Amino acid sequence: MDLLYDRLAADLREHIEQGVYGAGERLPGVRALSRTRGVSVATVLAAYRRLEADALIEALGADRVIVCP
């Protein structure tokens, strides 16, 4: 069973791999993404943590996340 944050992380990973978000490009802020996706801030944070652990993104502040080169 997929958790909601796993599905969100998979969607974002796919966007990164397809070039929707390029290296060095900023991803949507946590609150903005939670509103557009209809999920909680905690879900977005968990998805971002998953992608950061996989070295796909880097969190540079409270609401600034970029795609790793």
PDB file of N, CA and C in Angstrom:
ATOM      1  N   MET A   1       0.841  -1.173   0.000  1.00  0.00           N
ATOM      2  CA  MET A   1       0.000   0.000   0.000  1.00  0.00           C
ATOM      3  C   MET A   1       0.893   1.247   0.000  1.00  0.00           C
ATOM      4  N   ASP A   2       0.670   2.118  -0.946  1.00  0.00           N
ATOM      5  CA  ASP A   2       1.433   3.358  -1.035  1.00  0.00           C
ATOM      6  C   ASP A   2       0.888   4.380  -0.056  1.00  0.00           C
ATOM      7  N   LEU A   3       1.795   5.039   0.613  1.00  0.00           N
ATOM      8  CA  LEU A   3       1.406   6.155   1.464  1.00  0.00           C
ATOM      9  C   LEU A   3       1.290   7.392   0.595  1.00  0.00           C
ATOM     10  N   LEU A   4       0.508   8.344   1.041  1.00  0.00           N
ATOM     11  CA  LEU A   4       0.258   9.555   0.267  1.00  0.00           C
ATOM     12  C   LEU A   4       1.557  10.291  -0.050  1.00  0.00           C
ATOM     13  N   TYR A   5       2.458  10.379   0.934  1.00  0.00           N
ATOM     14  CA  TYR A   5       3.705  11.092   0.674  1.00  0.00           C
ATOM     15  C   TYR A   5       4.591  10.329  -0.311  1.00  0.00           C
ATOM     16  N   ASP A   6       4.482   8.995  -0.330  1.00  0.00           N
ATOM     17  CA  ASP A   6       5.229   8.198  -1.315  1.00  0.00           C
ATOM     18  C   ASP A   6       4.729   8.492  -2.728  1.00  0.00           C
ATOM     19  N   ARG A   7       3.416   8.615  -2.879  1.00  0.00           N
ATOM     20  CA  ARG A   7       2.851   8.930  -4.203  1.00  0.00           C
ATOM     21  C   ARG A   7       3.240  10.326  -4.649  1.00  0.00           C
ATOM     22  N   LEU A   8       3.212  11.289  -3.721  1.00  0.00           N
ATOM     23  CA  LEU A   8       3.621  12.653  -4.050  1.00  0.00           C
ATOM     24  C   LEU A   8       5.100  12.680  -4.422  1.00  0.00           C
ATOM     25  N   ALA A   9       5.933  11.996  -3.658  1.00  0.00           N
ATOM     26  CA  ALA A   9       7.368  11.941  -3.964  1.00  0.00           C
ATOM     27  C   ALA A   9       7.593  11.296  -5.332  1.00  0.00           C
ATOM     28  N   ALA A  10       6.843  10.251  -5.650  1.00  0.00           N
ATOM     29  CA  ALA A  10       6.981   9.591  -6.958  1.00  0.00           C
ATOM     30  C   ALA A  10       6.579  10.538  -8.090  1.00  0.00           C
ATOM     31  N   ASP A  11       5.525  11.300  -7.886  1.00  0.00           N
ATOM     32  CA  ASP A  11       5.100  12.279  -8.905  1.00  0.00           C
ATOM     33  C   ASP A  11       6.175  13.339  -9.120  1.00  0.00           C
ATOM     34  N   LEU A  12       6.713  13.857  -8.028  1.00  0.00           N
ATOM     35  CA  LEU A  12       7.751  14.880  -8.135  1.00  0.00           C
ATOM     36  C   LEU A  12       9.023  14.315  -8.761  1.00  0.00           C
ATOM     37  N   ARG A  13       9.380  13.078  -8.397  1.00  0.00           N
ATOM     38  CA  ARG A  13      10.545  12.412  -8.979  1.00  0.00           C
ATOM     39  C   ARG A  13      10.373  12.291 -10.501  1.00  0.00           C
ATOM     40  N   GLU A  14       9.183  11.911 -10.916  1.00  0.00           N
ATOM     41  CA  GLU A  14       8.891  11.786 -12.343  1.00  0.00           C
ATOM     42  C   GLU A  14       9.029  13.142 -13.044  1.00  0.00           C
ATOM     43  N   HIS A  15       8.532  14.191 -12.424  1.00  0.00           N
ATOM     44  CA  HIS A  15       8.660  15.530 -13.009  1.00  0.00           C
ATOM     45  C   HIS A  15      10.123  15.943 -13.127  1.00  0.00           C
ATOM     46  N   ILE A  16      10.920  15.612 -12.122  1.00  0.00           N
ATOM     47  CA  ILE A  16      12.344  15.938 -12.168  1.00  0.00           C
ATOM     48  C   ILE A  16      13.022  15.146 -13.283  1.00  0.00           C
ATOM     49  N   GLU A  17      12.734  13.856 -13.362  1.00  0.00           N
ATOM     50  CA  GLU A  17      13.360  13.003 -14.379  1.00  0.00           C
ATOM     51  C   GLU A  17      12.939  13.396 -15.791  1.00  0.00           C
ATOM     52  N   GLN A  18      11.727  13.923 -15.950  1.00  0.00           N
ATOM     53  CA  GLN A  18      11.244  14.342 -17.266  1.00  0.00           C
ATOM     54  C   GLN A  18      11.671  15.765 -17.618  1.00  0.00           C
ATOM     55  N   GLY A  19      12.323  16.446 -16.683  1.00  0.00           N
ATOM     56  CA  GLY A  19      12.803  17.789 -16.957  1.00  0.00           C
ATOM     57  C   GLY A  19      11.804  18.899 -16.707  1.00  0.00           C
ATOM     58  N   VAL A  20      10.666  18.566 -16.103  1.00  0.00           N
ATOM     59  CA  VAL A  20       9.699  19.604 -15.751  1.00  0.00           C
ATOM     60  C   VAL A  20      10.360  20.579 -14.774  1.00  0.00           C
ATOM     61  N   TYR A  21      11.119  20.027 -13.849  1.00  0.00           N
ATOM     62  CA  TYR A  21      11.944  20.812 -12.926  1.00  0.00           C
ATOM     63  C   TYR A  21      13.391  20.476 -13.240  1.00  0.00           C
ATOM     64  N   GLY A  22      14.157  21.469 -13.678  1.00  0.00           N
ATOM     65  CA  GLY A  22      15.544  21.248 -14.052  1.00  0.00           C
ATOM     66  C   GLY A  22      16.497  21.443 -12.888  1.00  0.00           C
ATOM     67  N   ALA A  23      17.747  21.035 -13.089  1.00  0.00           N
ATOM     68  CA  ALA A  23      18.784  21.187 -12.065  1.00  0.00           C
ATOM     69  C   ALA A  23      18.910  22.648 -11.651  1.00  0.00           C
ATOM     70  N   GLY A  24      18.915  22.869 -10.339  1.00  0.00           N
ATOM     71  CA  GLY A  24      19.028  24.206  -9.793  1.00  0.00           C
ATOM     72  C   GLY A  24      17.724  24.970  -9.736  1.00  0.00           C
ATOM     73  N   GLU A  25      16.688  24.390 -10.307  1.00  0.00           N
ATOM     74  CA  GLU A  25      15.385  25.061 -10.332  1.00  0.00           C
ATOM     75  C   GLU A  25      14.663  24.867  -9.002  1.00  0.00           C
ATOM     76  N   ARG A  26      13.917  25.877  -8.633  1.00  0.00           N
ATOM     77  CA  ARG A  26      13.179  25.852  -7.375  1.00  0.00           C
ATOM     78  C   ARG A  26      11.867  25.083  -7.534  1.00  0.00           C
ATOM     79  N   LEU A  27      11.581  24.240  -6.560  1.00  0.00           N
ATOM     80  CA  LEU A  27      10.307  23.528  -6.510  1.00  0.00           C
ATOM     81  C   LEU A  27       9.276  24.403  -5.802  1.00  0.00           C
ATOM     82  N   PRO A  28       7.987  24.079  -5.958  1.00  0.00           N
ATOM     83  CA  PRO A  28       6.960  24.850  -5.253  1.00  0.00           C
ATOM     84  C   PRO A  28       7.187  24.809  -3.744  1.00  0.00           C
ATOM     85  N   GLY A  29       6.823  25.882  -3.070  1.00  0.00           N
ATOM     86  CA  GLY A  29       6.926  25.918  -1.621  1.00  0.00           C
ATOM     87  C   GLY A  29       6.000  24.886  -0.983  1.00  0.00           C
ATOM     88  N   VAL A  30       6.297  24.544   0.235  1.00  0.00           N
ATOM     89  CA  VAL A  30       5.543  23.512   0.949  1.00  0.00           C
ATOM     90  C   VAL A  30       4.061  23.870   1.041  1.00  0.00           C
ATOM     91  N   ARG A  31       3.759  25.073   1.461  1.00  0.00           N
ATOM     92  CA  ARG A  31       2.350  25.459   1.619  1.00  0.00           C
ATOM     93  C   ARG A  31       1.641  25.535   0.271  1.00  0.00           C
ATOM     94  N   ALA A  32       2.317  26.078  -0.717  1.00  0.00           N
ATOM     95  CA  ALA A  32       1.708  26.185  -2.050  1.00  0.00           C
ATOM     96  C   ALA A  32       1.420  24.799  -2.619  1.00  0.00           C
ATOM     97  N   LEU A  33       2.364  23.883  -2.480  1.00  0.00           N
ATOM     98  CA  LEU A  33       2.161  22.528  -3.003  1.00  0.00           C
ATOM     99  C   LEU A  33       1.062  21.802  -2.232  1.00  0.00           C
ATOM    100  N   SER A  34       0.991  22.032  -0.921  1.00  0.00           N
ATOM    101  CA  SER A  34      -0.069  21.374  -0.148  1.00  0.00           C
ATOM    102  C   SER A  34      -1.442  21.860  -0.592  1.00  0.00           C
ATOM    103  N   ARG A  35      -1.544  23.157  -0.922  1.00  0.00           N
ATOM    104  CA  ARG A  35      -2.834  23.689  -1.396  1.00  0.00           C
ATOM    105  C   ARG A  35      -3.179  23.139  -2.777  1.00  0.00           C
ATOM    106  N   THR A  36      -2.225  23.163  -3.703  1.00  0.00           N
ATOM    107  CA  THR A  36      -2.533  22.726  -5.072  1.00  0.00           C
ATOM    108  C   THR A  36      -2.797  21.229  -5.151  1.00  0.00           C
ATOM    109  N   ARG A  37      -2.143  20.439  -4.302  1.00  0.00           N
ATOM    110  CA  ARG A  37      -2.334  18.995  -4.320  1.00  0.00           C
ATOM    111  C   ARG A  37      -3.425  18.526  -3.371  1.00  0.00           C
ATOM    112  N   GLY A  38      -3.916  19.422  -2.503  1.00  0.00           N
ATOM    113  CA  GLY A  38      -4.963  19.037  -1.558  1.00  0.00           C
ATOM    114  C   GLY A  38      -4.484  18.069  -0.495  1.00  0.00           C
ATOM    115  N   VAL A  39      -3.235  18.235  -0.077  1.00  0.00           N
ATOM    116  CA  VAL A  39      -2.665  17.379   0.971  1.00  0.00           C
ATOM    117  C   VAL A  39      -2.160  18.266   2.099  1.00  0.00           C
ATOM    118  N   SER A  40      -1.813  17.652   3.208  1.00  0.00           N
ATOM    119  CA  SER A  40      -1.330  18.427   4.352  1.00  0.00           C
ATOM    120  C   SER A  40       0.113  18.872   4.132  1.00  0.00           C
ATOM    121  N   VAL A  41       0.495  19.881   4.887  1.00  0.00           N
ATOM    122  CA  VAL A  41       1.885  20.350   4.864  1.00  0.00           C
ATOM    123  C   VAL A  41       2.815  19.213   5.291  1.00  0.00           C
ATOM    124  N   ALA A  42       2.387  18.422   6.268  1.00  0.00           N
ATOM    125  CA  ALA A  42       3.201  17.296   6.739  1.00  0.00           C
ATOM    126  C   ALA A  42       3.465  16.286   5.618  1.00  0.00           C
ATOM    127  N   THR A  43       2.474  16.070   4.757  1.00  0.00           N
ATOM    128  CA  THR A  43       2.639  15.149   3.628  1.00  0.00           C
ATOM    129  C   THR A  43       3.682  15.678   2.655  1.00  0.00           C
ATOM    130  N   VAL A  44       3.616  16.961   2.352  1.00  0.00           N
ATOM    131  CA  VAL A  44       4.596  17.560   1.437  1.00  0.00           C
ATOM    132  C   VAL A  44       5.987  17.493   2.049  1.00  0.00           C
ATOM    133  N   LEU A  45       6.103  17.813   3.334  1.00  0.00           N
ATOM    134  CA  LEU A  45       7.404  17.746   3.995  1.00  0.00           C
ATOM    135  C   LEU A  45       7.980  16.338   3.955  1.00  0.00           C
ATOM    136  N   ALA A  46       7.145  15.341   4.171  1.00  0.00           N
ATOM    137  CA  ALA A  46       7.609  13.950   4.128  1.00  0.00           C
ATOM    138  C   ALA A  46       8.067  13.572   2.716  1.00  0.00           C
ATOM    139  N   ALA A  47       7.340  14.026   1.703  1.00  0.00           N
ATOM    140  CA  ALA A  47       7.735  13.750   0.319  1.00  0.00           C
ATOM    141  C   ALA A  47       9.059  14.436   0.000  1.00  0.00           C
ATOM    142  N   TYR A  48       9.212  15.686   0.422  1.00  0.00           N
ATOM    143  CA  TYR A  48      10.459  16.406   0.187  1.00  0.00           C
ATOM    144  C   TYR A  48      11.620  15.739   0.930  1.00  0.00           C
ATOM    145  N   ARG A  49      11.381  15.272   2.148  1.00  0.00           N
ATOM    146  CA  ARG A  49      12.444  14.567   2.892  1.00  0.00           C
ATOM    147  C   ARG A  49      12.872  13.298   2.160  1.00  0.00           C
ATOM    148  N   ARG A  50      11.904  12.593   1.592  1.00  0.00           N
ATOM    149  CA  ARG A  50      12.218  11.376   0.842  1.00  0.00           C
ATOM    150  C   ARG A  50      13.107  11.699  -0.361  1.00  0.00           C
ATOM    151  N   LEU A  51      12.742  12.743  -1.111  1.00  0.00           N
ATOM    152  CA  LEU A  51      13.523  13.131  -2.288  1.00  0.00           C
ATOM    153  C   LEU A  51      14.892  13.679  -1.889  1.00  0.00           C
ATOM    154  N   GLU A  52      14.966  14.344  -0.751  1.00  0.00           N
ATOM    155  CA  GLU A  52      16.257  14.844  -0.281  1.00  0.00           C
ATOM    156  C   GLU A  52      17.160  13.681   0.134  1.00  0.00           C
ATOM    157  N   ALA A  53      16.587  12.665   0.766  1.00  0.00           N
ATOM    158  CA  ALA A  53      17.362  11.479   1.150  1.00  0.00           C
ATOM    159  C   ALA A  53      17.903  10.756  -0.081  1.00  0.00           C
ATOM    160  N   ASP A  54      17.182  10.857  -1.188  1.00  0.00           N
ATOM    161  CA  ASP A  54      17.611  10.241  -2.447  1.00  0.00           C
ATOM    162  C   ASP A  54      18.507  11.173  -3.272  1.00  0.00           C
ATOM    163  N   ALA A  55      18.878  12.316  -2.684  1.00  0.00           N
ATOM    164  CA  ALA A  55      19.778  13.299  -3.305  1.00  0.00           C
ATOM    165  C   ALA A  55      19.227  13.880  -4.608  1.00  0.00           C
ATOM    166  N   LEU A  56      17.904  13.965  -4.713  1.00  0.00           N
ATOM    167  CA  LEU A  56      17.295  14.586  -5.889  1.00  0.00           C
ATOM    168  C   LEU A  56      17.031  16.067  -5.672  1.00  0.00           C
ATOM    169  N   ILE A  57      16.806  16.442  -4.414  1.00  0.00           N
ATOM    170  CA  ILE A  57      16.527  17.845  -4.106  1.00  0.00           C
ATOM    171  C   ILE A  57      17.353  18.252  -2.892  1.00  0.00           C
ATOM    172  N   GLU A  58      17.423  19.563  -2.679  1.00  0.00           N
ATOM    173  CA  GLU A  58      18.107  20.099  -1.511  1.00  0.00           C
ATOM    174  C   GLU A  58      17.247  21.194  -0.908  1.00  0.00           C
ATOM    175  N   ALA A  59      17.006  21.085   0.388  1.00  0.00           N
ATOM    176  CA  ALA A  59      16.259  22.117   1.104  1.00  0.00           C
ATOM    177  C   ALA A  59      17.242  23.191   1.546  1.00  0.00           C
ATOM    178  N   LEU A  60      16.987  24.423   1.131  1.00  0.00           N
ATOM    179  CA  LEU A  60      17.885  25.534   1.437  1.00  0.00           C
ATOM    180  C   LEU A  60      17.308  26.488   2.457  1.00  0.00           C
ATOM    181  N   GLY A  61      16.173  26.159   2.988  1.00  0.00           N
ATOM    182  CA  GLY A  61      15.519  27.015   3.973  1.00  0.00           C
ATOM    183  C   GLY A  61      14.141  26.483   4.251  1.00  0.00           C
ATOM    184  N   ALA A  62      13.408  27.248   5.027  1.00  0.00           N
ATOM    185  CA  ALA A  62      12.084  26.797   5.443  1.00  0.00           C
ATOM    186  C   ALA A  62      11.164  26.517   4.258  1.00  0.00           C
ATOM    187  N   ASP A  63      11.246  27.320   3.224  1.00  0.00           N
ATOM    188  CA  ASP A  63      10.329  27.140   2.091  1.00  0.00           C
ATOM    189  C   ASP A  63      11.061  27.274   0.758  1.00  0.00           C
ATOM    190  N   ARG A  64      12.330  26.878   0.748  1.00  0.00           N
ATOM    191  CA  ARG A  64      13.105  26.965  -0.495  1.00  0.00           C
ATOM    192  C   ARG A  64      13.757  25.619  -0.769  1.00  0.00           C
ATOM    193  N   VAL A  65      13.294  24.964  -1.810  1.00  0.00           N
ATOM    194  CA  VAL A  65      13.774  23.633  -2.181  1.00  0.00           C
ATOM    195  C   VAL A  65      14.164  23.673  -3.647  1.00  0.00           C
ATOM    196  N   ILE A  66      15.370  23.177  -3.968  1.00  0.00           N
ATOM    197  CA  ILE A  66      15.817  23.168  -5.357  1.00  0.00           C
ATOM    198  C   ILE A  66      16.171  21.747  -5.782  1.00  0.00           C
ATOM    199  N   VAL A  67      16.184  21.545  -7.100  1.00  0.00           N
ATOM    200  CA  VAL A  67      16.577  20.273  -7.686  1.00  0.00           C
ATOM    201  C   VAL A  67      18.105  20.221  -7.711  1.00  0.00           C
ATOM    202  N   CYS A  68      18.657  19.118  -7.266  1.00  0.00           N
ATOM    203  CA  CYS A  68      20.117  18.957  -7.280  1.00  0.00           C
ATOM    204  C   CYS A  68      20.614  18.803  -8.717  1.00  0.00           C
ATOM    205  N   PRO A  69      21.826  19.320  -8.962  1.00  0.00           N
ATOM    206  CA  PRO A  69      22.397  19.171 -10.313  1.00  0.00           C
ATOM    207  C   PRO A  69      22.775  17.729 -10.608  1.00  0.00           C
TER     208      PRO A  69
END
